């Protein structure tokens, strides 16, 4: 939970959390699953993982994902509607090339 900056939410009722707080808790839950022993996942699919996050937590999430990709050696396929985030953090498109924007 510390990696997703939500340790302080552990004692609160999930239903009482804001949308962004719920999103961070769900991301922390996902990361716990990534730490499971073998077999380690080769792909992580995320659908709008930043939809309820403020800009600080959006950037934190993508820095964390980059670090985990390097350390755990898996791929991330992420659906984003924010072209600025996609342009900043994408490393390759469907053809394996970085988007030109």
N, C-alpha and C. Protein backbone atom coordinates (compact mmCIF):
# COMPACT_ATOMS: atom_id res chain seq x y z
N UNK A 1 0.82 -1.19 0.00
CA UNK A 1 0.00 0.00 0.00
C UNK A 1 0.87 1.26 0.00
N UNK A 2 2.05 1.13 0.57
CA UNK A 2 2.94 2.30 0.61
C UNK A 2 3.36 2.70 -0.80
N UNK A 3 3.59 1.73 -1.68
CA UNK A 3 4.00 2.05 -3.05
C UNK A 3 2.95 2.90 -3.77
N UNK A 4 1.70 2.71 -3.45
CA UNK A 4 0.62 3.47 -4.09
C UNK A 4 0.15 4.65 -3.25
N UNK A 5 0.91 4.97 -2.22
CA UNK A 5 0.61 6.12 -1.37
C UNK A 5 -0.80 6.02 -0.77
N UNK A 6 -1.13 4.82 -0.27
CA UNK A 6 -2.46 4.68 0.33
C UNK A 6 -2.43 3.92 1.66
N UNK A 7 -1.29 3.87 2.32
CA UNK A 7 -1.20 3.20 3.62
C UNK A 7 -2.15 3.81 4.63
N UNK A 8 -2.32 5.12 4.56
CA UNK A 8 -3.18 5.82 5.51
C UNK A 8 -4.66 5.46 5.31
N UNK A 9 -4.98 4.77 4.24
CA UNK A 9 -6.37 4.40 3.95
C UNK A 9 -6.73 3.02 4.47
N UNK A 10 -5.77 2.28 4.98
CA UNK A 10 -5.97 0.88 5.36
C UNK A 10 -7.08 0.67 6.38
N UNK A 11 -7.27 1.60 7.27
CA UNK A 11 -8.27 1.42 8.33
C UNK A 11 -9.64 1.98 7.96
N UNK A 12 -9.76 2.58 6.79
CA UNK A 12 -11.03 3.19 6.39
C UNK A 12 -11.88 2.22 5.58
N UNK A 13 -13.18 2.38 5.65
CA UNK A 13 -14.12 1.58 4.87
C UNK A 13 -13.96 1.95 3.39
N UNK A 14 -13.76 0.94 2.56
CA UNK A 14 -13.53 1.16 1.13
C UNK A 14 -14.65 1.99 0.50
N UNK A 15 -15.88 1.74 0.93
CA UNK A 15 -17.03 2.43 0.34
C UNK A 15 -17.05 3.92 0.67
N UNK A 16 -16.30 4.32 1.68
CA UNK A 16 -16.26 5.72 2.09
C UNK A 16 -15.12 6.49 1.43
N UNK A 17 -14.30 5.80 0.65
CA UNK A 17 -13.16 6.45 0.00
C UNK A 17 -13.61 7.21 -1.25
N UNK A 18 -12.85 8.23 -1.61
CA UNK A 18 -13.13 8.95 -2.86
C UNK A 18 -12.77 8.05 -4.04
N UNK A 19 -13.16 8.45 -5.23
CA UNK A 19 -12.84 7.67 -6.43
C UNK A 19 -11.35 7.49 -6.62
N UNK A 20 -10.58 8.55 -6.41
CA UNK A 20 -9.13 8.45 -6.55
C UNK A 20 -8.51 7.55 -5.49
N UNK A 21 -9.02 7.63 -4.27
CA UNK A 21 -8.51 6.76 -3.20
C UNK A 21 -8.84 5.30 -3.49
N UNK A 22 -10.05 5.03 -3.98
CA UNK A 22 -10.41 3.67 -4.35
C UNK A 22 -9.50 3.16 -5.48
N UNK A 23 -9.21 4.01 -6.43
CA UNK A 23 -8.34 3.63 -7.54
C UNK A 23 -6.95 3.26 -7.03
N UNK A 24 -6.41 4.03 -6.11
CA UNK A 24 -5.08 3.74 -5.55
C UNK A 24 -5.09 2.44 -4.76
N UNK A 25 -6.17 2.16 -4.02
CA UNK A 25 -6.28 0.90 -3.29
C UNK A 25 -6.32 -0.27 -4.27
N UNK A 26 -7.07 -0.13 -5.36
CA UNK A 26 -7.13 -1.20 -6.36
C UNK A 26 -5.77 -1.42 -7.02
N UNK A 27 -5.04 -0.36 -7.28
CA UNK A 27 -3.70 -0.50 -7.85
C UNK A 27 -2.77 -1.19 -6.87
N UNK A 28 -2.90 -0.88 -5.58
CA UNK A 28 -2.09 -1.56 -4.56
C UNK A 28 -2.42 -3.05 -4.54
N UNK A 29 -3.69 -3.36 -4.65
CA UNK A 29 -4.12 -4.77 -4.68
C UNK A 29 -3.50 -5.50 -5.88
N UNK A 30 -3.49 -4.83 -7.02
CA UNK A 30 -2.87 -5.40 -8.21
C UNK A 30 -1.39 -5.66 -8.00
N UNK A 31 -0.69 -4.71 -7.39
CA UNK A 31 0.75 -4.86 -7.17
C UNK A 31 1.05 -6.03 -6.25
N UNK A 32 0.19 -6.28 -5.27
CA UNK A 32 0.37 -7.44 -4.40
C UNK A 32 0.35 -8.71 -5.23
N UNK A 33 -0.55 -8.78 -6.19
CA UNK A 33 -0.64 -9.95 -7.06
C UNK A 33 0.60 -10.09 -7.93
N UNK A 34 1.22 -8.98 -8.31
CA UNK A 34 2.44 -9.05 -9.12
C UNK A 34 3.61 -9.61 -8.32
N UNK A 35 3.56 -9.48 -7.01
CA UNK A 35 4.65 -9.96 -6.18
C UNK A 35 4.55 -11.45 -5.87
N UNK A 36 3.49 -12.08 -6.32
CA UNK A 36 3.35 -13.51 -6.10
C UNK A 36 4.52 -14.23 -6.76
N UNK A 37 4.94 -15.35 -6.16
CA UNK A 37 6.03 -16.11 -6.78
C UNK A 37 5.61 -16.67 -8.13
N UNK A 38 6.51 -17.33 -8.75
CA UNK A 38 6.29 -17.88 -10.10
C UNK A 38 4.92 -18.51 -10.22
N UNK A 39 4.31 -18.51 -11.38
CA UNK A 39 4.83 -17.87 -12.58
C UNK A 39 4.55 -16.37 -12.55
N UNK A 40 5.55 -15.61 -12.91
CA UNK A 40 5.36 -14.16 -12.95
C UNK A 40 4.66 -13.79 -14.25
N UNK A 41 3.83 -12.77 -14.21
CA UNK A 41 3.09 -12.39 -15.42
C UNK A 41 4.02 -11.80 -16.47
N UNK A 42 3.68 -12.00 -17.72
CA UNK A 42 4.43 -11.40 -18.83
C UNK A 42 3.77 -10.11 -19.28
N UNK A 43 2.48 -9.98 -19.03
CA UNK A 43 1.72 -8.81 -19.45
C UNK A 43 0.85 -8.31 -18.31
N UNK A 44 0.70 -7.01 -18.26
CA UNK A 44 -0.22 -6.35 -17.33
C UNK A 44 -1.11 -5.45 -18.17
N UNK A 45 -2.40 -5.69 -18.15
CA UNK A 45 -3.36 -4.90 -18.93
C UNK A 45 -4.10 -3.95 -17.99
N UNK A 46 -4.05 -2.67 -18.30
CA UNK A 46 -4.69 -1.65 -17.47
C UNK A 46 -5.65 -0.83 -18.32
N UNK A 47 -6.87 -0.69 -17.86
CA UNK A 47 -7.88 0.10 -18.56
C UNK A 47 -8.14 1.37 -17.77
N UNK A 48 -7.66 2.50 -18.28
CA UNK A 48 -7.83 3.81 -17.65
C UNK A 48 -7.39 3.81 -16.18
N UNK A 49 -6.15 3.40 -15.90
CA UNK A 49 -5.72 3.33 -14.50
C UNK A 49 -5.61 4.68 -13.82
N UNK A 50 -5.62 5.75 -14.59
CA UNK A 50 -5.46 7.09 -14.00
C UNK A 50 -6.76 7.88 -13.99
N UNK A 51 -7.87 7.24 -14.30
CA UNK A 51 -9.13 7.97 -14.51
C UNK A 51 -9.57 8.82 -13.32
N UNK A 52 -9.32 8.40 -12.11
CA UNK A 52 -9.78 9.17 -10.94
C UNK A 52 -8.62 9.77 -10.15
N UNK A 53 -7.42 9.71 -10.72
CA UNK A 53 -6.24 10.16 -9.99
C UNK A 53 -5.89 11.60 -10.31
N UNK A 54 -5.39 12.32 -9.31
CA UNK A 54 -4.88 13.66 -9.57
C UNK A 54 -3.53 13.55 -10.28
N UNK A 55 -3.02 14.66 -10.77
CA UNK A 55 -1.80 14.64 -11.59
C UNK A 55 -0.61 14.05 -10.84
N UNK A 56 -0.50 14.35 -9.55
CA UNK A 56 0.60 13.81 -8.74
C UNK A 56 0.56 12.28 -8.73
N UNK A 57 -0.61 11.72 -8.49
CA UNK A 57 -0.72 10.26 -8.42
C UNK A 57 -0.64 9.61 -9.80
N UNK A 58 -1.04 10.33 -10.85
CA UNK A 58 -0.87 9.80 -12.21
C UNK A 58 0.61 9.62 -12.51
N UNK A 59 1.39 10.65 -12.25
CA UNK A 59 2.83 10.58 -12.51
C UNK A 59 3.48 9.53 -11.63
N UNK A 60 3.07 9.46 -10.38
CA UNK A 60 3.62 8.46 -9.46
C UNK A 60 3.35 7.05 -9.99
N UNK A 61 2.13 6.81 -10.47
CA UNK A 61 1.78 5.49 -10.99
C UNK A 61 2.68 5.11 -12.16
N UNK A 62 2.88 6.01 -13.10
CA UNK A 62 3.68 5.65 -14.27
C UNK A 62 5.17 5.51 -13.95
N UNK A 63 5.67 6.29 -13.02
CA UNK A 63 7.06 6.08 -12.58
C UNK A 63 7.20 4.72 -11.91
N UNK A 64 6.22 4.36 -11.10
CA UNK A 64 6.23 3.06 -10.44
C UNK A 64 6.15 1.93 -11.46
N UNK A 65 5.28 2.07 -12.45
CA UNK A 65 5.17 1.03 -13.48
C UNK A 65 6.48 0.88 -14.24
N UNK A 66 7.13 1.99 -14.58
CA UNK A 66 8.43 1.90 -15.27
C UNK A 66 9.45 1.14 -14.43
N UNK A 67 9.49 1.45 -13.16
CA UNK A 67 10.42 0.77 -12.26
C UNK A 67 10.11 -0.73 -12.20
N UNK A 68 8.85 -1.08 -12.07
CA UNK A 68 8.47 -2.49 -11.98
C UNK A 68 8.74 -3.23 -13.28
N UNK A 69 8.52 -2.57 -14.41
CA UNK A 69 8.80 -3.20 -15.70
C UNK A 69 10.28 -3.54 -15.80
N UNK A 70 11.15 -2.63 -15.36
CA UNK A 70 12.59 -2.90 -15.39
C UNK A 70 12.96 -4.03 -14.43
N UNK A 71 12.41 -3.99 -13.23
CA UNK A 71 12.79 -4.97 -12.21
C UNK A 71 12.18 -6.34 -12.46
N UNK A 72 10.91 -6.39 -12.83
CA UNK A 72 10.18 -7.66 -12.95
C UNK A 72 10.10 -8.17 -14.39
N UNK A 73 10.46 -7.34 -15.33
CA UNK A 73 10.53 -7.69 -16.75
C UNK A 73 9.22 -8.25 -17.29
N UNK A 74 8.20 -7.41 -17.24
CA UNK A 74 6.93 -7.74 -17.88
C UNK A 74 6.51 -6.55 -18.73
N UNK A 75 5.49 -6.72 -19.53
CA UNK A 75 5.00 -5.68 -20.43
C UNK A 75 3.71 -5.09 -19.88
N UNK A 76 3.46 -3.84 -20.21
CA UNK A 76 2.23 -3.17 -19.80
C UNK A 76 1.50 -2.69 -21.05
N UNK A 77 0.24 -3.05 -21.15
CA UNK A 77 -0.64 -2.53 -22.19
C UNK A 77 -1.68 -1.69 -21.47
N UNK A 78 -1.69 -0.41 -21.78
CA UNK A 78 -2.50 0.53 -21.01
C UNK A 78 -3.42 1.32 -21.94
N UNK A 79 -4.71 1.31 -21.65
CA UNK A 79 -5.67 2.12 -22.39
C UNK A 79 -5.77 3.47 -21.69
N UNK A 80 -5.49 4.53 -22.44
CA UNK A 80 -5.56 5.89 -21.90
C UNK A 80 -6.30 6.78 -22.88
N UNK A 81 -7.11 7.68 -22.35
CA UNK A 81 -7.74 8.69 -23.19
C UNK A 81 -7.02 10.02 -23.09
N UNK A 82 -6.06 10.09 -22.21
CA UNK A 82 -5.26 11.31 -22.03
C UNK A 82 -4.03 11.20 -22.93
N UNK A 83 -4.06 11.89 -24.07
CA UNK A 83 -2.96 11.79 -25.03
C UNK A 83 -1.65 12.31 -24.47
N UNK A 84 -1.70 13.28 -23.57
CA UNK A 84 -0.47 13.78 -22.96
C UNK A 84 0.22 12.70 -22.15
N UNK A 85 -0.54 11.95 -21.36
CA UNK A 85 0.04 10.84 -20.60
C UNK A 85 0.57 9.77 -21.53
N UNK A 86 -0.20 9.44 -22.55
CA UNK A 86 0.22 8.41 -23.50
C UNK A 86 1.52 8.81 -24.19
N UNK A 87 1.61 10.06 -24.62
CA UNK A 87 2.82 10.53 -25.30
C UNK A 87 4.02 10.54 -24.37
N UNK A 88 3.79 10.88 -23.12
CA UNK A 88 4.91 10.98 -22.18
C UNK A 88 5.44 9.61 -21.76
N UNK A 89 4.56 8.64 -21.58
CA UNK A 89 4.99 7.39 -20.98
C UNK A 89 5.01 6.20 -21.93
N UNK A 90 4.48 6.33 -23.13
CA UNK A 90 4.47 5.19 -24.05
C UNK A 90 5.88 4.88 -24.52
N UNK A 91 6.17 3.61 -24.61
CA UNK A 91 7.47 3.19 -25.14
C UNK A 91 7.31 2.47 -26.47
N UNK A 92 6.10 2.15 -26.85
CA UNK A 92 5.88 1.51 -28.13
C UNK A 92 4.40 1.36 -28.42
N UNK A 93 4.07 1.35 -29.69
CA UNK A 93 2.69 1.16 -30.10
C UNK A 93 2.48 -0.26 -30.58
N UNK A 94 1.37 -0.50 -31.26
CA UNK A 94 1.05 -1.83 -31.74
C UNK A 94 2.11 -2.36 -32.70
N UNK A 95 2.77 -1.44 -33.43
CA UNK A 95 3.80 -1.86 -34.37
C UNK A 95 5.18 -1.92 -33.72
N UNK A 96 5.25 -1.68 -32.40
CA UNK A 96 6.52 -1.72 -31.70
C UNK A 96 7.28 -0.42 -31.72
N UNK A 97 6.76 0.58 -32.43
CA UNK A 97 7.43 1.88 -32.52
C UNK A 97 6.78 2.87 -31.57
N UNK A 98 7.57 3.82 -31.13
CA UNK A 98 7.04 4.86 -30.25
C UNK A 98 6.13 5.78 -31.06
N UNK A 99 4.96 6.12 -30.50
CA UNK A 99 4.07 7.03 -31.23
C UNK A 99 4.76 8.35 -31.55
N UNK A 100 4.45 8.95 -32.70
CA UNK A 100 5.15 10.17 -33.13
C UNK A 100 4.73 11.44 -32.40
N UNK A 101 3.65 11.42 -31.64
CA UNK A 101 3.18 12.66 -31.00
C UNK A 101 3.82 12.89 -29.66
